[in-house]
């Protein structure tokens, strides 16, 4: 595969150097043949790698299966047990402040590091032609569209699509209403609390598959990209990890200012979900285990 890619690069360079040469037809024919061979090699490689990628895909599908009901039940029970709207508003306000603050911190840090390192220059990636369809939505996000996305038309649809923000909004309303009806609401709280514990048990079963899933994901990536990918993008990866390290230090400092030395115990508690999220490149994969550990 590497030799085919090298040959294609050389042919492209020759085509650029001889735009009107008589040998252009020969070079184009050779390029077509090499492209066909490359497609066959890639297809054979993907077929061999498929069993490994299936392991990771199944694990991520199982995780997505339990995220929505876990968020729904735990949030409803948590809000309902607070009892009054003022407590919900106070905790919700602090949570929103942390979320917005952390997001702004991440964006600002990313903009600073990109302008310092300029990683795109070192990667030598080809730019698309003007007007070329690159498959990305170019529509702007308006306040109207954002609000429509946050408030669900159906909680069933929101759970089916794993729209976490919509599930959170429904859970807040449901939890406050459950607490407001008094004794009748306690039955609902007990039921959903039991369901939450069942889902956490299911989470434990799914998390037992995590080592196998991580192995499958890493094996598939290395088989497709090769160990050389680590060398090719070592500078880019190093800059990315440096940015993550700075972000973690800033978030840890912010946590220390809010809860003091307990932030160290918090980091020790969520160590396993952090490693899982890093290995699978999925925050959804780490969410159920994070919820389970935080409740303990």
Protein backbone atom coordinates (compact mmCIF):
# COMPACT_ATOMS: atom_id res chain seq x y z
CA UNK A 1 0.00 0.00 0.00
CA UNK A 2 2.81 2.41 0.88
CA UNK A 3 4.57 1.76 -2.44
CA UNK A 4 1.33 2.36 -4.35
CA UNK A 5 0.77 5.64 -2.53
CA UNK A 6 4.35 6.71 -3.27
CA UNK A 7 3.91 5.87 -6.95
CA UNK A 8 0.67 7.87 -7.12
CA UNK A 9 2.40 10.88 -5.55
CA UNK A 10 5.21 10.64 -8.10
CA UNK A 11 2.73 10.42 -10.98
CA UNK A 12 0.80 13.44 -9.69
CA UNK A 13 4.06 15.37 -9.53
CA UNK A 14 4.91 14.34 -13.08
CA UNK A 15 1.46 15.40 -14.28
CA UNK A 16 1.92 18.79 -12.66
CA UNK A 17 5.35 19.18 -14.26
CA UNK A 18 4.14 18.16 -17.76
CA UNK A 19 0.63 19.60 -18.19
CA UNK A 20 0.79 19.59 -22.00
CA UNK A 21 3.26 16.78 -22.59
CA UNK A 22 2.53 13.86 -24.91
CA UNK A 23 3.33 11.53 -22.03
CA UNK A 24 0.34 12.87 -20.10
CA UNK A 25 -1.99 10.23 -21.58
CA UNK A 26 0.40 7.48 -20.48
CA UNK A 27 0.70 8.97 -16.99
CA UNK A 28 -3.08 9.23 -16.64
CA UNK A 29 -3.49 5.59 -17.68
CA UNK A 30 -0.82 4.54 -15.21
CA UNK A 31 -2.47 6.59 -12.48
CA UNK A 32 -5.82 4.93 -13.20
CA UNK A 33 -4.26 1.47 -12.96
CA UNK A 34 -2.47 2.29 -9.69
CA UNK A 35 -5.69 3.75 -8.25
CA UNK A 36 -7.49 0.52 -9.10
CA UNK A 37 -4.77 -1.54 -7.40
CA UNK A 38 -4.90 0.75 -4.37
CA UNK A 39 -8.68 0.32 -4.12
CA UNK A 40 -8.30 -3.47 -4.22
CA UNK A 41 -5.61 -3.41 -1.51
CA UNK A 42 -7.71 -1.11 0.69
CA UNK A 43 -10.77 -3.33 0.25
CA UNK A 44 -8.78 -6.43 1.23
CA UNK A 45 -7.30 -4.62 4.24
CA UNK A 46 -10.69 -3.35 5.42
CA UNK A 47 -12.09 -6.88 5.17
CA UNK A 48 -9.35 -8.20 7.45
CA UNK A 49 -9.72 -5.31 9.90
CA UNK A 50 -13.52 -5.51 10.02
CA UNK A 51 -13.71 -8.03 12.92
CA UNK A 52 -11.64 -5.67 15.12
CA UNK A 53 -13.70 -2.59 14.27
CA UNK A 54 -16.90 -4.55 14.94
CA UNK A 55 -15.82 -5.03 18.57
CA UNK A 56 -15.51 -1.27 19.10
CA UNK A 57 -18.71 -0.52 17.18
CA UNK A 58 -20.76 -2.98 19.25
CA UNK A 59 -19.40 -1.50 22.47
CA UNK A 60 -20.25 2.06 21.41
CA UNK A 61 -23.74 0.99 20.34
CA UNK A 62 -24.32 -0.62 23.74
CA UNK A 63 -23.12 2.56 25.44
CA UNK A 64 -25.48 4.70 23.36
CA UNK A 65 -28.27 2.28 24.24
CA UNK A 66 -28.01 3.08 27.96
CA UNK A 67 -27.05 6.78 27.90
CA UNK A 68 -30.54 8.20 27.31
CA UNK A 69 -32.43 6.14 29.94
CA UNK A 70 -29.60 6.68 32.43
CA UNK A 71 -29.71 10.47 32.02
CA UNK A 72 -33.52 10.48 32.15
CA UNK A 73 -33.94 8.41 35.31
CA UNK A 74 -31.03 9.77 37.35
CA UNK A 75 -31.82 13.40 36.55
CA UNK A 76 -35.54 13.05 37.30
CA UNK A 77 -34.81 11.33 40.62
CA UNK A 78 -32.14 13.87 41.51
CA UNK A 79 -34.35 16.87 40.75
CA UNK A 80 -37.40 15.35 42.47
CA UNK A 81 -35.42 14.60 45.65
CA UNK A 82 -34.31 18.23 45.89
CA UNK A 83 -37.93 19.03 46.56
CA UNK A 84 -38.24 22.72 45.69
CA UNK A 85 -37.68 24.78 42.58
CA UNK A 86 -35.26 27.16 44.31
CA UNK A 87 -32.80 24.32 44.98
CA UNK A 88 -33.09 23.13 41.40
CA UNK A 89 -32.48 26.66 40.13
CA UNK A 90 -29.45 27.13 42.38
CA UNK A 91 -27.77 23.87 41.38
CA UNK A 92 -28.81 24.28 37.75
CA UNK A 93 -27.35 27.78 37.68
CA UNK A 94 -24.01 26.57 39.03
CA UNK A 95 -23.97 23.73 36.51
CA UNK A 96 -24.77 26.07 33.63
CA UNK A 97 -22.08 28.51 34.80
CA UNK A 98 -19.50 25.71 34.87
CA UNK A 99 -20.57 24.41 31.44
CA UNK A 100 -20.44 27.84 29.77
CA UNK A 101 -17.19 28.78 31.54
CA UNK A 102 -15.46 25.53 30.58
CA UNK A 103 -16.66 25.84 26.96
CA UNK A 104 -15.41 29.42 26.66
CA UNK A 105 -12.10 28.41 28.24
CA UNK A 106 -11.70 25.57 25.72
CA UNK A 107 -12.51 27.80 22.75
CA UNK A 108 -10.19 30.59 23.87
CA UNK A 109 -7.33 28.18 24.56
CA UNK A 110 -7.82 26.50 21.18
CA UNK A 111 -7.74 29.82 19.32
CA UNK A 112 -4.56 30.88 21.13
CA UNK A 113 -2.72 27.59 20.49
CA UNK A 114 -3.77 27.42 16.83
CA UNK A 115 -2.35 30.88 16.20
CA UNK A 116 0.87 30.00 18.05
CA UNK A 117 1.55 26.54 16.55
CA UNK A 118 -0.27 26.90 13.19
CA UNK A 119 -0.56 23.09 12.86
CA UNK A 120 -2.14 23.18 9.40
CA UNK A 121 1.08 24.44 7.82
CA UNK A 122 3.12 21.43 8.93
CA UNK A 123 0.51 18.89 7.76
CA UNK A 124 0.68 19.95 4.08
CA UNK A 125 -2.98 19.14 3.46
CA UNK A 126 -4.44 19.99 0.03
CA UNK A 127 -7.07 22.74 0.07
CA UNK A 128 -10.39 22.16 -1.75
CA UNK A 129 -11.12 24.21 -4.86
CA UNK A 130 -13.33 27.27 -4.52
CA UNK A 131 -16.99 26.29 -4.63
CA UNK A 132 -16.24 22.58 -4.19
CA UNK A 133 -18.76 20.60 -2.15
CA UNK A 134 -16.93 19.34 0.94
CA UNK A 135 -19.97 17.72 2.56
CA UNK A 136 -20.24 20.17 5.47
CA UNK A 137 -23.35 22.12 6.38
CA UNK A 138 -22.68 25.82 5.91
CA UNK A 139 -25.90 27.10 7.43
CA UNK A 140 -25.45 29.41 10.41
CA UNK A 141 -26.83 28.51 13.83
CA UNK A 142 -29.43 31.09 14.82
CA UNK A 143 -30.91 31.58 18.28
CA UNK A 144 -34.22 30.28 16.95
CA UNK A 145 -32.68 27.04 15.65
CA UNK A 146 -30.73 26.57 18.89
CA UNK A 147 -33.86 26.92 21.03
CA UNK A 148 -35.78 24.57 18.75
CA UNK A 149 -32.98 22.05 19.19
CA UNK A 150 -33.00 22.34 23.00
CA UNK A 151 -36.75 21.96 23.59
CA UNK A 152 -38.12 18.58 22.46
CA UNK A 153 -41.36 17.94 20.60
CA UNK A 154 -41.29 14.34 21.86
CA UNK A 155 -39.20 12.82 24.63
CA UNK A 156 -39.43 9.47 22.84
CA UNK A 157 -37.87 10.97 19.72
CA UNK A 158 -35.22 12.72 21.85
CA UNK A 159 -34.27 9.42 23.50
CA UNK A 160 -34.24 7.58 20.18
CA UNK A 161 -31.80 10.13 18.75
CA UNK A 162 -29.81 10.51 22.01
CA UNK A 163 -30.49 14.26 22.11
CA UNK A 164 -29.10 14.80 25.61
CA UNK A 165 -30.07 18.48 25.94
CA UNK A 166 -33.69 17.68 25.08
CA UNK A 167 -33.71 14.81 27.57
CA UNK A 168 -32.31 17.12 30.25
CA UNK A 169 -35.04 19.72 29.63
CA UNK A 170 -37.79 17.10 29.84
CA UNK A 171 -36.23 15.56 32.96
CA UNK A 172 -36.11 18.95 34.71
CA UNK A 173 -39.81 19.57 34.05
CA UNK A 174 -40.75 16.02 35.01
CA UNK A 175 -38.65 16.06 38.19
CA UNK A 176 -40.05 19.38 39.42
CA UNK A 177 -43.61 18.26 38.66
CA UNK A 178 -43.06 14.94 40.45
CA UNK A 179 -41.84 16.72 43.58
CA UNK A 180 -44.77 19.15 43.41
CA UNK A 181 -47.51 16.48 43.65
CA UNK A 182 -46.27 15.25 47.03
CA UNK A 183 -47.05 11.72 48.21
CA UNK A 184 -48.19 10.50 44.80
CA UNK A 185 -44.87 11.56 43.34
CA UNK A 186 -42.92 9.40 45.78
CA UNK A 187 -44.17 6.28 43.99
CA UNK A 188 -42.80 7.58 40.70
CA UNK A 189 -39.50 8.53 42.35
CA UNK A 190 -39.10 5.07 43.89
CA UNK A 191 -39.86 3.41 40.56
CA UNK A 192 -37.44 5.58 38.56
CA UNK A 193 -34.79 5.19 41.27
CA UNK A 194 -35.09 1.41 40.94
CA UNK A 195 -34.89 1.71 37.14
CA UNK A 196 -31.77 3.88 37.49
CA UNK A 197 -30.09 1.21 39.64
CA UNK A 198 -31.00 -1.46 37.07
CA UNK A 199 -29.47 0.65 34.29
CA UNK A 200 -26.34 1.19 36.37
CA UNK A 201 -26.11 -2.59 36.74
CA UNK A 202 -26.44 -2.94 32.97
CA UNK A 203 -23.72 -0.31 32.68
CA UNK A 204 -21.44 -2.51 34.76
CA UNK A 205 -22.05 -5.43 32.40
CA UNK A 206 -21.32 -3.28 29.34
CA UNK A 207 -18.17 -1.78 30.89
CA UNK A 208 -16.76 -5.29 31.28
CA UNK A 209 -16.43 -5.26 27.50
CA UNK A 210 -14.37 -2.04 27.54
CA UNK A 211 -10.90 -3.69 27.39
CA UNK A 212 -11.94 -5.80 24.40
CA UNK A 213 -13.48 -2.77 22.67
CA UNK A 214 -10.41 -0.61 23.24
CA UNK A 215 -8.19 -3.41 21.89
CA UNK A 216 -10.38 -3.71 18.80
CA UNK A 217 -10.40 0.05 18.20
CA UNK A 218 -6.63 0.39 18.57
CA UNK A 219 -5.95 -2.68 16.40
CA UNK A 220 -8.22 -1.36 13.64
CA UNK A 221 -6.60 2.09 13.65
CA UNK A 222 -3.05 0.73 13.56
CA UNK A 223 -3.95 -1.79 10.85
CA UNK A 224 -5.49 0.94 8.68
CA UNK A 225 -3.03 3.76 9.28
CA UNK A 226 0.09 1.83 10.25
CA UNK A 227 2.60 2.71 12.94
CA UNK A 228 3.99 5.31 10.59
CA UNK A 229 0.92 7.47 11.17
CA UNK A 230 2.30 8.24 14.64
CA UNK A 231 5.50 9.56 13.08
CA UNK A 232 3.75 11.48 10.31
CA UNK A 233 1.49 13.34 12.70
CA UNK A 234 3.74 13.34 15.76
CA UNK A 235 4.07 17.13 15.81
CA UNK A 236 0.34 17.65 15.37
CA UNK A 237 -0.50 15.05 18.02
CA UNK A 238 2.06 16.54 20.42
CA UNK A 239 0.54 20.01 20.04
CA UNK A 240 -2.94 18.58 20.54
CA UNK A 241 -1.96 16.74 23.72
CA UNK A 242 -0.19 19.85 24.98
CA UNK A 243 -3.44 21.76 24.52
CA UNK A 244 -5.36 19.06 26.40
CA UNK A 245 -2.83 19.17 29.24
CA UNK A 246 -3.14 22.95 29.56
CA UNK A 247 -6.95 22.68 29.48
CA UNK A 248 -6.94 20.01 32.19
CA UNK A 249 -4.68 22.14 34.37
CA UNK A 250 -7.01 25.12 33.95
CA UNK A 251 -10.12 23.03 34.69
CA UNK A 252 -8.42 21.47 37.72
CA UNK A 253 -7.50 24.94 38.97
CA UNK A 254 -11.10 26.08 38.50
CA UNK A 255 -12.31 22.98 40.35
CA UNK A 256 -9.86 23.68 43.17
CA UNK A 257 -11.24 27.21 43.51
CA UNK A 258 -14.79 25.80 43.72
CA UNK A 259 -14.44 22.68 45.90
CA UNK A 260 -10.90 22.93 47.30
CA UNK A 261 -8.71 19.86 47.81
CA UNK A 262 -11.64 17.54 47.10
CA UNK A 263 -10.88 18.02 43.41
CA UNK A 264 -7.93 15.62 43.83
CA UNK A 265 -10.26 12.88 45.12
CA UNK A 266 -12.65 13.66 42.27
CA UNK A 267 -9.91 13.15 39.68
CA UNK A 268 -8.91 9.86 41.29
CA UNK A 269 -12.54 8.72 41.20
CA UNK A 270 -13.06 9.47 37.50
CA UNK A 271 -9.65 8.18 36.39
CA UNK A 272 -11.12 5.10 34.71
CA UNK A 273 -13.75 7.00 32.65
CA UNK A 274 -11.08 9.50 31.56
CA UNK A 275 -8.88 6.69 30.23
CA UNK A 276 -11.89 5.08 28.54
CA UNK A 277 -12.93 8.34 26.85
CA UNK A 278 -9.35 8.88 25.67
CA UNK A 279 -9.07 5.34 24.28
CA UNK A 280 -12.42 5.29 22.44
CA UNK A 281 -12.53 9.01 21.47
CA UNK A 282 -16.11 9.06 22.74
CA UNK A 283 -17.49 10.98 25.70
CA UNK A 284 -20.64 8.85 25.50
CA UNK A 285 -18.56 5.76 26.22
CA UNK A 286 -17.34 7.28 29.50
CA UNK A 287 -20.61 8.87 30.62
CA UNK A 288 -22.36 5.83 32.21
CA UNK A 289 -19.26 4.82 34.19
CA UNK A 290 -18.78 8.43 35.30
CA UNK A 291 -22.35 8.56 36.62
CA UNK A 292 -21.89 5.27 38.46
CA UNK A 293 -18.64 6.35 40.14
CA UNK A 294 -19.94 9.79 41.09
CA UNK A 295 -22.98 8.26 42.78
CA UNK A 296 -20.73 5.98 44.83
